[in-house]
Amino acid sequence: MATSSIFTNVVIKDKKEAELFFEALEQSSHDPEWEPSAPVKPPLRNIEAIQKLMAKRECRTNGQI
């Protein structure tokens, strides 16, 4: 979804449209929270692990491996 779509002005002129709009908002508030589709890895904090990862990356960018 484009971020500009959340800034759209909504004009409702009919009472029935207003009721449907607010009902949709109410229903959407009851949806479960979003969960990632893949597990999220915690950030690396170990110096040796970071150095190993950077060395691996450097080898790939230099055409090795």
Protein backbone atom coordinates (compact mmCIF):
# COMPACT_ATOMS: atom_id res chain seq x y z
CA MET A 1 0.00 0.00 0.00
CA ALA A 2 1.33 3.40 -0.88
CA THR A 3 1.88 5.71 2.06
CA SER A 4 0.05 8.53 0.29
CA SER A 5 -3.18 6.53 0.54
CA ILE A 6 -3.32 7.06 4.31
CA PHE A 7 -3.52 10.81 3.79
CA THR A 8 -6.59 10.67 1.53
CA ASN A 9 -9.50 12.90 2.50
CA VAL A 10 -12.74 10.98 2.88
CA VAL A 11 -15.97 12.77 2.03
CA ILE A 12 -19.15 11.04 3.18
CA LYS A 13 -22.44 12.68 2.26
CA ASP A 14 -24.86 9.88 3.04
CA LYS A 15 -25.77 8.60 6.51
CA LYS A 16 -25.77 4.98 5.28
CA GLU A 17 -22.26 5.40 3.82
CA ALA A 18 -21.07 6.86 7.13
CA GLU A 19 -22.49 3.91 9.06
CA LEU A 20 -20.85 1.42 6.68
CA PHE A 21 -17.53 3.26 6.89
CA PHE A 22 -17.50 3.32 10.69
CA GLU A 23 -18.62 -0.31 10.83
CA ALA A 24 -15.67 -1.24 8.58
CA LEU A 25 -13.31 0.72 10.85
CA GLU A 26 -14.71 -1.05 13.89
CA GLN A 27 -14.31 -4.49 12.26
CA SER A 28 -10.73 -3.75 11.20
CA SER A 29 -9.80 -2.81 14.76
CA HIS A 30 -10.66 -6.36 15.86
CA ASP A 31 -8.28 -8.04 13.41
CA PRO A 32 -5.33 -9.84 14.97
CA GLU A 33 -2.01 -8.04 14.96
CA TRP A 34 0.36 -8.62 12.08
CA GLU A 35 2.93 -11.37 12.56
CA PRO A 36 6.07 -11.79 10.46
CA SER A 37 5.96 -14.65 7.94
CA ALA A 38 9.52 -15.68 8.85
CA PRO A 39 11.31 -15.64 12.18
CA VAL A 40 13.21 -12.44 12.93
CA LYS A 41 16.86 -12.89 13.86
CA PRO A 42 18.16 -10.75 16.72
CA PRO A 43 20.96 -8.30 15.85
CA LEU A 44 24.54 -9.51 16.18
CA ARG A 45 26.28 -8.18 19.29
CA ASN A 46 29.28 -10.50 19.45
CA ILE A 47 32.39 -8.86 17.93
CA GLU A 48 33.75 -12.14 16.52
CA ALA A 49 30.41 -12.99 14.89
CA ILE A 50 30.22 -9.52 13.31
CA GLN A 51 33.79 -9.79 11.99
CA LYS A 52 33.07 -13.24 10.56
CA LEU A 53 29.95 -11.95 8.81
CA MET A 54 31.77 -8.92 7.38
CA ALA A 55 34.66 -11.11 6.17
CA LYS A 56 32.17 -13.40 4.44
CA ARG A 57 30.54 -10.40 2.79
CA GLU A 58 33.92 -9.00 1.70
CA CYS A 59 34.83 -12.31 0.05
CA ARG A 60 31.61 -12.22 -1.99
CA THR A 61 32.14 -8.66 -3.18
CA ASN A 62 35.74 -9.40 -4.23
CA GLY A 63 34.61 -12.23 -6.50
CA GLN A 64 35.81 -15.00 -4.22
CA ILE A 65 33.71 -18.03 -3.26
